[in-house]
Amino acid sequence: MLILSRRVNEKIVIGDDIVVSVIEVRGDQVKLGIEAPRSVKVFREEVFEAIQGENRRAAAASAAALPTIELPPAQE
């Protein structure tokens, strides 16, 4: 893990197209601004972990647990 010190209005550049800016520091809370292409998904860690957990649960569900869909007979 890379650990850097930054002050308000200072930035960190990741790769060619991601910029993390320190917007505000208030007590033990830091407000960050993140500039990234729309194709890059940016999540808070707790949201990312919740999404991953849901994806793992969905992948582990058996086909028997899924509802069946009745299709109408084919028309000629």
PDB file of N, CA and C in Angstrom:
ATOM      1  N   MET A   1       0.841  -1.168   0.000  1.00  0.00           N
ATOM      2  CA  MET A   1       0.000   0.000   0.000  1.00  0.00           C
ATOM      3  C   MET A   1       0.893   1.240   0.000  1.00  0.00           C
ATOM      4  N   LEU A   2       0.579   2.151  -0.884  1.00  0.00           N
ATOM      5  CA  LEU A   2       1.281   3.429  -0.938  1.00  0.00           C
ATOM      6  C   LEU A   2       0.559   4.400  -0.017  1.00  0.00           C
ATOM      7  N   ILE A   3       1.283   5.057   0.867  1.00  0.00           N
ATOM      8  CA  ILE A   3       0.695   6.024   1.786  1.00  0.00           C
ATOM      9  C   ILE A   3       1.297   7.388   1.478  1.00  0.00           C
ATOM     10  N   LEU A   4       0.418   8.363   1.196  1.00  0.00           N
ATOM     11  CA  LEU A   4       0.849   9.705   0.840  1.00  0.00           C
ATOM     12  C   LEU A   4       0.193  10.718   1.772  1.00  0.00           C
ATOM     13  N   SER A   5       0.878  11.806   2.017  1.00  0.00           N
ATOM     14  CA  SER A   5       0.291  12.923   2.752  1.00  0.00           C
ATOM     15  C   SER A   5      -0.076  13.999   1.744  1.00  0.00           C
ATOM     16  N   ARG A   6      -1.253  14.548   1.863  1.00  0.00           N
ATOM     17  CA  ARG A   6      -1.719  15.611   0.980  1.00  0.00           C
ATOM     18  C   ARG A   6      -2.430  16.655   1.826  1.00  0.00           C
ATOM     19  N   ARG A   7      -2.412  17.893   1.375  1.00  0.00           N
ATOM     20  CA  ARG A   7      -3.136  18.978   2.033  1.00  0.00           C
ATOM     21  C   ARG A   7      -4.347  19.341   1.181  1.00  0.00           C
ATOM     22  N   VAL A   8      -5.227  20.164   1.728  1.00  0.00           N
ATOM     23  CA  VAL A   8      -6.407  20.611   0.986  1.00  0.00           C
ATOM     24  C   VAL A   8      -5.960  21.229  -0.335  1.00  0.00           C
ATOM     25  N   ASN A   9      -6.675  20.893  -1.384  1.00  0.00           N
ATOM     26  CA  ASN A   9      -6.436  21.338  -2.771  1.00  0.00           C
ATOM     27  C   ASN A   9      -5.259  20.644  -3.443  1.00  0.00           C
ATOM     28  N   GLU A  10      -4.600  19.708  -2.780  1.00  0.00           N
ATOM     29  CA  GLU A  10      -3.559  18.921  -3.428  1.00  0.00           C
ATOM     30  C   GLU A  10      -4.188  17.672  -4.034  1.00  0.00           C
ATOM     31  N   LYS A  11      -3.517  17.107  -5.025  1.00  0.00           N
ATOM     32  CA  LYS A  11      -4.094  15.997  -5.787  1.00  0.00           C
ATOM     33  C   LYS A  11      -3.137  14.824  -5.874  1.00  0.00           C
ATOM     34  N   ILE A  12      -3.719  13.675  -6.196  1.00  0.00           N
ATOM     35  CA  ILE A  12      -2.974  12.456  -6.497  1.00  0.00           C
ATOM     36  C   ILE A  12      -3.472  11.983  -7.857  1.00  0.00           C
ATOM     37  N   VAL A  13      -2.560  11.612  -8.736  1.00  0.00           N
ATOM     38  CA  VAL A  13      -2.932  11.123 -10.063  1.00  0.00           C
ATOM     39  C   VAL A  13      -2.685   9.623 -10.109  1.00  0.00           C
ATOM     40  N   ILE A  14      -3.700   8.881 -10.570  1.00  0.00           N
ATOM     41  CA  ILE A  14      -3.603   7.430 -10.693  1.00  0.00           C
ATOM     42  C   ILE A  14      -3.718   7.095 -12.174  1.00  0.00           C
ATOM     43  N   GLY A  15      -2.686   6.466 -12.707  1.00  0.00           N
ATOM     44  CA  GLY A  15      -2.686   6.156 -14.137  1.00  0.00           C
ATOM     45  C   GLY A  15      -2.705   7.449 -14.941  1.00  0.00           C
ATOM     46  N   ASP A  16      -3.331   7.379 -16.115  1.00  0.00           N
ATOM     47  CA  ASP A  16      -3.378   8.547 -16.997  1.00  0.00           C
ATOM     48  C   ASP A  16      -4.630   9.386 -16.819  1.00  0.00           C
ATOM     49  N   ASP A  17      -5.667   8.827 -16.175  1.00  0.00           N
ATOM     50  CA  ASP A  17      -6.953   9.518 -16.231  1.00  0.00           C
ATOM     51  C   ASP A  17      -7.767   9.524 -14.937  1.00  0.00           C
ATOM     52  N   ILE A  18      -7.142   9.265 -13.805  1.00  0.00           N
ATOM     53  CA  ILE A  18      -7.858   9.339 -12.530  1.00  0.00           C
ATOM     54  C   ILE A  18      -7.123  10.320 -11.627  1.00  0.00           C
ATOM     55  N   VAL A  19      -7.875  11.307 -11.113  1.00  0.00           N
ATOM     56  CA  VAL A  19      -7.304  12.318 -10.228  1.00  0.00           C
ATOM     57  C   VAL A  19      -8.118  12.336  -8.940  1.00  0.00           C
ATOM     58  N   VAL A  20      -7.426  12.213  -7.803  1.00  0.00           N
ATOM     59  CA  VAL A  20      -8.069  12.269  -6.489  1.00  0.00           C
ATOM     60  C   VAL A  20      -7.617  13.569  -5.840  1.00  0.00           C
ATOM     61  N   SER A  21      -8.575  14.417  -5.470  1.00  0.00           N
ATOM     62  CA  SER A  21      -8.286  15.717  -4.862  1.00  0.00           C
ATOM     63  C   SER A  21      -8.750  15.733  -3.416  1.00  0.00           C
ATOM     64  N   VAL A  22      -7.965  16.352  -2.548  1.00  0.00           N
ATOM     65  CA  VAL A  22      -8.388  16.571  -1.167  1.00  0.00           C
ATOM     66  C   VAL A  22      -9.197  17.865  -1.169  1.00  0.00           C
ATOM     67  N   ILE A  23     -10.478  17.762  -0.868  1.00  0.00           N
ATOM     68  CA  ILE A  23     -11.381  18.902  -0.906  1.00  0.00           C
ATOM     69  C   ILE A  23     -11.445  19.606   0.447  1.00  0.00           C
ATOM     70  N   GLU A  24     -11.530  18.793   1.503  1.00  0.00           N
ATOM     71  CA  GLU A  24     -11.704  19.366   2.842  1.00  0.00           C
ATOM     72  C   GLU A  24     -11.241  18.371   3.893  1.00  0.00           C
ATOM     73  N   VAL A  25     -10.652  18.882   4.953  1.00  0.00           N
ATOM     74  CA  VAL A  25     -10.297  18.067   6.112  1.00  0.00           C
ATOM     75  C   VAL A  25     -10.960  18.713   7.317  1.00  0.00           C
ATOM     76  N   ARG A  26     -11.776  17.923   8.012  1.00  0.00           N
ATOM     77  CA  ARG A  26     -12.489  18.439   9.180  1.00  0.00           C
ATOM     78  C   ARG A  26     -12.412  17.381  10.278  1.00  0.00           C
ATOM     79  N   GLY A  27     -11.575  17.615  11.273  1.00  0.00           N
ATOM     80  CA  GLY A  27     -11.386  16.622  12.334  1.00  0.00           C
ATOM     81  C   GLY A  27     -10.780  15.355  11.755  1.00  0.00           C
ATOM     82  N   ASP A  28     -11.449  14.216  11.993  1.00  0.00           N
ATOM     83  CA  ASP A  28     -10.936  12.941  11.479  1.00  0.00           C
ATOM     84  C   ASP A  28     -11.613  12.547  10.167  1.00  0.00           C
ATOM     85  N   GLN A  29     -12.274  13.502   9.509  1.00  0.00           N
ATOM     86  CA  GLN A  29     -12.962  13.221   8.258  1.00  0.00           C
ATOM     87  C   GLN A  29     -12.291  13.974   7.115  1.00  0.00           C
ATOM     88  N   VAL A  30     -12.125  13.297   5.995  1.00  0.00           N
ATOM     89  CA  VAL A  30     -11.514  13.889   4.804  1.00  0.00           C
ATOM     90  C   VAL A  30     -12.519  13.801   3.667  1.00  0.00           C
ATOM     91  N   LYS A  31     -12.744  14.905   2.979  1.00  0.00           N
ATOM     92  CA  LYS A  31     -13.634  14.911   1.822  1.00  0.00           C
ATOM     93  C   LYS A  31     -12.760  14.878   0.575  1.00  0.00           C
ATOM     94  N   LEU A  32     -12.987  13.870  -0.267  1.00  0.00           N
ATOM     95  CA  LEU A  32     -12.198  13.674  -1.481  1.00  0.00           C
ATOM     96  C   LEU A  32     -13.053  13.921  -2.714  1.00  0.00           C
ATOM     97  N   GLY A  33     -12.433  14.432  -3.746  1.00  0.00           N
ATOM     98  CA  GLY A  33     -13.061  14.536  -5.055  1.00  0.00           C
ATOM     99  C   GLY A  33     -12.342  13.577  -5.983  1.00  0.00           C
ATOM    100  N   ILE A  34     -13.094  12.850  -6.799  1.00  0.00           N
ATOM    101  CA  ILE A  34     -12.486  11.857  -7.689  1.00  0.00           C
ATOM    102  C   ILE A  34     -12.929  12.149  -9.118  1.00  0.00           C
ATOM    103  N   GLU A  35     -11.960  12.391  -9.982  1.00  0.00           N
ATOM    104  CA  GLU A  35     -12.227  12.577 -11.403  1.00  0.00           C
ATOM    105  C   GLU A  35     -11.758  11.322 -12.119  1.00  0.00           C
ATOM    106  N   ALA A  36     -12.694  10.669 -12.810  1.00  0.00           N
ATOM    107  CA  ALA A  36     -12.365   9.439 -13.528  1.00  0.00           C
ATOM    108  C   ALA A  36     -13.288   9.327 -14.737  1.00  0.00           C
ATOM    109  N   PRO A  37     -12.867   8.603 -15.759  1.00  0.00           N
ATOM    110  CA  PRO A  37     -13.757   8.390 -16.908  1.00  0.00           C
ATOM    111  C   PRO A  37     -15.035   7.676 -16.462  1.00  0.00           C
ATOM    112  N   ARG A  38     -16.112   7.912 -17.178  1.00  0.00           N
ATOM    113  CA  ARG A  38     -17.387   7.269 -16.830  1.00  0.00           C
ATOM    114  C   ARG A  38     -17.295   5.741 -16.850  1.00  0.00           C
ATOM    115  N   SER A  39     -16.344   5.212 -17.622  1.00  0.00           N
ATOM    116  CA  SER A  39     -16.196   3.761 -17.709  1.00  0.00           C
ATOM    117  C   SER A  39     -15.572   3.160 -16.444  1.00  0.00           C
ATOM    118  N   VAL A  40     -15.009   3.999 -15.574  1.00  0.00           N
ATOM    119  CA  VAL A  40     -14.397   3.531 -14.331  1.00  0.00           C
ATOM    120  C   VAL A  40     -15.428   3.663 -13.218  1.00  0.00           C
ATOM    121  N   LYS A  41     -15.767   2.550 -12.597  1.00  0.00           N
ATOM    122  CA  LYS A  41     -16.737   2.570 -11.498  1.00  0.00           C
ATOM    123  C   LYS A  41     -16.015   2.935 -10.210  1.00  0.00           C
ATOM    124  N   VAL A  42     -16.587   3.896  -9.477  1.00  0.00           N
ATOM    125  CA  VAL A  42     -16.003   4.347  -8.227  1.00  0.00           C
ATOM    126  C   VAL A  42     -17.053   4.146  -7.131  1.00  0.00           C
ATOM    127  N   PHE A  43     -16.706   3.367  -6.094  1.00  0.00           N
ATOM    128  CA  PHE A  43     -17.625   3.066  -5.004  1.00  0.00           C
ATOM    129  C   PHE A  43     -16.948   3.318  -3.666  1.00  0.00           C
ATOM    130  N   ARG A  44     -17.740   3.650  -2.659  1.00  0.00           N
ATOM    131  CA  ARG A  44     -17.236   3.582  -1.286  1.00  0.00           C
ATOM    132  C   ARG A  44     -17.038   2.102  -0.985  1.00  0.00           C
ATOM    133  N   GLU A  45     -16.060   1.780  -0.155  1.00  0.00           N
ATOM    134  CA  GLU A  45     -15.721   0.372   0.093  1.00  0.00           C
ATOM    135  C   GLU A  45     -16.909  -0.429   0.616  1.00  0.00           C
ATOM    136  N   GLU A  46     -17.683   0.129   1.552  1.00  0.00           N
ATOM    137  CA  GLU A  46     -18.803  -0.631   2.114  1.00  0.00           C
ATOM    138  C   GLU A  46     -19.876  -0.920   1.064  1.00  0.00           C
ATOM    139  N   VAL A  47     -20.075  -0.014   0.109  1.00  0.00           N
ATOM    140  CA  VAL A  47     -21.032  -0.253  -0.973  1.00  0.00           C
ATOM    141  C   VAL A  47     -20.483  -1.327  -1.906  1.00  0.00           C
ATOM    142  N   PHE A  48     -19.204  -1.245  -2.238  1.00  0.00           N
ATOM    143  CA  PHE A  48     -18.570  -2.242  -3.101  1.00  0.00           C
ATOM    144  C   PHE A  48     -18.668  -3.636  -2.492  1.00  0.00           C
ATOM    145  N   GLU A  49     -18.406  -3.747  -1.179  1.00  0.00           N
ATOM    146  CA  GLU A  49     -18.489  -5.051  -0.506  1.00  0.00           C
ATOM    147  C   GLU A  49     -19.917  -5.583  -0.514  1.00  0.00           C
ATOM    148  N   ALA A  50     -20.902  -4.710  -0.347  1.00  0.00           N
ATOM    149  CA  ALA A  50     -22.302  -5.145  -0.389  1.00  0.00           C
ATOM    150  C   ALA A  50     -22.666  -5.660  -1.777  1.00  0.00           C
ATOM    151  N   ILE A  51     -22.215  -4.974  -2.808  1.00  0.00           N
ATOM    152  CA  ILE A  51     -22.469  -5.408  -4.185  1.00  0.00           C
ATOM    153  C   ILE A  51     -21.817  -6.764  -4.438  1.00  0.00           C
ATOM    154  N   GLN A  52     -20.568  -6.923  -4.002  1.00  0.00           N
ATOM    155  CA  GLN A  52     -19.861  -8.188  -4.193  1.00  0.00           C
ATOM    156  C   GLN A  52     -20.576  -9.326  -3.456  1.00  0.00           C
ATOM    157  N   GLY A  53     -21.032  -9.055  -2.236  1.00  0.00           N
ATOM    158  CA  GLY A  53     -21.755 -10.075  -1.468  1.00  0.00           C
ATOM    159  C   GLY A  53     -23.032 -10.505  -2.175  1.00  0.00           C
ATOM    160  N   GLU A  54     -23.790  -9.541  -2.698  1.00  0.00           N
ATOM    161  CA  GLU A  54     -25.015  -9.863  -3.430  1.00  0.00           C
ATOM    162  C   GLU A  54     -24.692 -10.674  -4.686  1.00  0.00           C
ATOM    163  N   ASN A  55     -23.635 -10.297  -5.382  1.00  0.00           N
ATOM    164  CA  ASN A  55     -23.243 -11.046  -6.586  1.00  0.00           C
ATOM    165  C   ASN A  55     -22.858 -12.485  -6.243  1.00  0.00           C
ATOM    166  N   ARG A  56     -22.126 -12.669  -5.137  1.00  0.00           N
ATOM    167  CA  ARG A  56     -21.746 -14.031  -4.728  1.00  0.00           C
ATOM    168  C   ARG A  56     -22.979 -14.851  -4.358  1.00  0.00           C
ATOM    169  N   ARG A  57     -23.925 -14.236  -3.639  1.00  0.00           N
ATOM    170  CA  ARG A  57     -25.154 -14.956  -3.266  1.00  0.00           C
ATOM    171  C   ARG A  57     -25.966 -15.320  -4.507  1.00  0.00           C
ATOM    172  N   ALA A  58     -26.042 -14.408  -5.452  1.00  0.00           N
ATOM    173  CA  ALA A  58     -26.807 -14.684  -6.678  1.00  0.00           C
ATOM    174  C   ALA A  58     -26.143 -15.797  -7.495  1.00  0.00           C
ATOM    175  N   ALA A  59     -24.820 -15.797  -7.547  1.00  0.00           N
ATOM    176  CA  ALA A  59     -24.114 -16.827  -8.302  1.00  0.00           C
ATOM    177  C   ALA A  59     -24.240 -18.191  -7.640  1.00  0.00           C
ATOM    178  N   ALA A  60     -24.400 -18.215  -6.316  1.00  0.00           N
ATOM    179  CA  ALA A  60     -24.487 -19.479  -5.590  1.00  0.00           C
ATOM    180  C   ALA A  60     -25.901 -20.054  -5.593  1.00  0.00           C
ATOM    181  N   ALA A  61     -26.886 -19.258  -5.983  1.00  0.00           N
ATOM    182  CA  ALA A  61     -28.276 -19.738  -5.996  1.00  0.00           C
ATOM    183  C   ALA A  61     -28.413 -20.869  -7.001  1.00  0.00           C
ATOM    184  N   SER A  62     -29.129 -21.904  -6.612  1.00  0.00           N
ATOM    185  CA  SER A  62     -29.306 -23.036  -7.527  1.00  0.00           C
ATOM    186  C   SER A  62     -30.401 -22.719  -8.540  1.00  0.00           C
ATOM    187  N   ALA A  63     -30.351 -23.373  -9.660  1.00  0.00           N
ATOM    188  CA  ALA A  63     -31.363 -23.178 -10.700  1.00  0.00           C
ATOM    189  C   ALA A  63     -32.741 -23.581 -10.192  1.00  0.00           C
ATOM    190  N   ALA A  64     -32.807 -24.523  -9.278  1.00  0.00           N
ATOM    191  CA  ALA A  64     -34.093 -24.955  -8.733  1.00  0.00           C
ATOM    192  C   ALA A  64     -34.763 -23.840  -7.942  1.00  0.00           C
ATOM    193  N   ALA A  65     -33.991 -22.907  -7.433  1.00  0.00           N
ATOM    194  CA  ALA A  65     -34.555 -21.811  -6.654  1.00  0.00           C
ATOM    195  C   ALA A  65     -35.155 -20.734  -7.549  1.00  0.00           C
ATOM    196  N   LEU A  66     -34.881 -20.790  -8.841  1.00  0.00           N
ATOM    197  CA  LEU A  66     -35.397 -19.786  -9.759  1.00  0.00           C
ATOM    198  C   LEU A  66     -36.798 -20.165 -10.219  1.00  0.00           C
ATOM    199  N   PRO A  67     -37.673 -19.183 -10.377  1.00  0.00           N
ATOM    200  CA  PRO A  67     -39.033 -19.505 -10.842  1.00  0.00           C
ATOM    201  C   PRO A  67     -39.001 -19.937 -12.307  1.00  0.00           C
ATOM    202  N   THR A  68     -39.961 -20.764 -12.668  1.00  0.00           N
ATOM    203  CA  THR A  68     -40.066 -21.199 -14.072  1.00  0.00           C
ATOM    204  C   THR A  68     -41.019 -20.261 -14.791  1.00  0.00           C
ATOM    205  N   ILE A  69     -40.770 -20.059 -16.050  1.00  0.00           N
ATOM    206  CA  ILE A  69     -41.614 -19.182 -16.862  1.00  0.00           C
ATOM    207  C   ILE A  69     -42.365 -20.050 -17.863  1.00  0.00           C
ATOM    208  N   GLU A  70     -43.668 -19.922 -17.838  1.00  0.00           N
ATOM    209  CA  GLU A  70     -44.514 -20.672 -18.781  1.00  0.00           C
ATOM    210  C   GLU A  70     -44.615 -19.849 -20.056  1.00  0.00           C
ATOM    211  N   LEU A  71     -44.193 -20.424 -21.176  1.00  0.00           N
ATOM    212  CA  LEU A  71     -44.301 -19.751 -22.459  1.00  0.00           C
ATOM    213  C   LEU A  71     -45.575 -20.187 -23.143  1.00  0.00           C
ATOM    214  N   PRO A  72     -46.256 -19.269 -23.850  1.00  0.00           N
ATOM    215  CA  PRO A  72     -47.466 -19.667 -24.574  1.00  0.00           C
ATOM    216  C   PRO A  72     -47.080 -20.575 -25.742  1.00  0.00           C
ATOM    217  N   PRO A  73     -48.005 -21.419 -26.187  1.00  0.00           N
ATOM    218  CA  PRO A  73     -47.704 -22.293 -27.333  1.00  0.00           C
ATOM    219  C   PRO A  73     -47.396 -21.458 -28.567  1.00  0.00           C
ATOM    220  N   ALA A  74     -46.513 -21.968 -29.387  1.00  0.00           N
ATOM    221  CA  ALA A  74     -46.140 -21.268 -30.632  1.00  0.00           C
ATOM    222  C   ALA A  74     -47.314 -21.213 -31.573  1.00  0.00           C
ATOM    223  N   GLN A  75     -47.502 -20.052 -32.182  1.00  0.00           N
ATOM    224  CA  GLN A  75     -48.598 -19.900 -33.153  1.00  0.00           C
ATOM    225  C   GLN A  75     -48.067 -20.151 -34.554  1.00  0.00           C
ATOM    226  N   GLU A  76     -48.879 -20.775 -35.376  1.00  0.00           N
ATOM    227  CA  GLU A  76     -48.450 -21.102 -36.750  1.00  0.00           C
ATOM    228  C   GLU A  76     -48.932 -20.084 -37.713  1.00  0.00           C
TER     229      GLU A  76
END
